[in-house]
């Protein structure tokens, strides 16, 4: 199960099996999607996601909203305007038609909110007891309208690292639902499309170097991925990280670090320091879960290292998520 958790074992599986087998320039970029040139000029972004979240419904969303928003957000992180999605459904024999109708209606609403159209798909049914209800795979295509190459390889020393909003909501919403936990304030997933803030940043003409949405493995793992892919270092300040109080309390009770808890509507933006204030203003106005925070900066090295300064001033190395903190999160 830990091989699907988005942490160190996931990366090990990718590096040992998939990267050698499918090696090509698009895959080696280690981005949220592939950046593709096509004949006649212009660029597209292409990405795909499989969704196995359990339970299918949770506060703030369901498997259908994640299926749409997750793929839309991966396209946005490539600097693309999402346009078209495909949707593949693997249904278990006996799955209730009424439940399927609710999920499909949620997908329709999420697609309309993100400005995309589901244009093709596939449906398969497996025997009872062999499909856990429903799995959904979505793929997406978007057009890249900016001349910028928004990718980990564009990150530069001195860049500011901006976090769009508070962290850990999605993972804690799933955990609370599974365990039947209740808190004074209900924790809802942050599942949301990120089209508006990304397009606003690009329309403002900012020199965005890289974007990364925070999903499995949370903020910590995403930062390590960026540091490794860029061969640079990232330093952040733990005292600046925004955490919704009930999320922080739940993490403390369960012995979890919010930096490693999954999100479905948050992202980091890496850009030159002198443009950070303008980016903060735009993200505050357009992104869910604000206000955004400048949490750190990019350093020359050591390559691939992420460090965190604690509230008492000490510094520690931030690693990828190890093992499986919470399976079937998306």
Foldseek 3Di string as FASTA:
>chain_A
DQCPQLWDNVVVCCVPPPCVVPPDDQVLLVALFGWAADPPGFIKTKHKDKAQFPPQDFFAHGRLLLQQQVQLQSRLQQQFQWEEKEKEKEFEPPQDPVVVVVSVVNNVVQCVVSNYYHDYYYYHYDYHPPANGMMMMMMTMGTRPDPARAGLQQFDFQWFKKKLAAFQLLQVRSVCVVVVHDDPDRRHAPAHHPNFLSVLCVVVVFRWRGKDAFFRQAQLQRQLSSLQSNQWEKEFEPVFHHHDVVSVVVCVVVVHDRRRHGHNFMMMIIGHPVCVVVSQVSSCVTGPHDNMDRTTGIHRDNGSWYWYQYPVGDIDTRHTDDGHPDPSSD
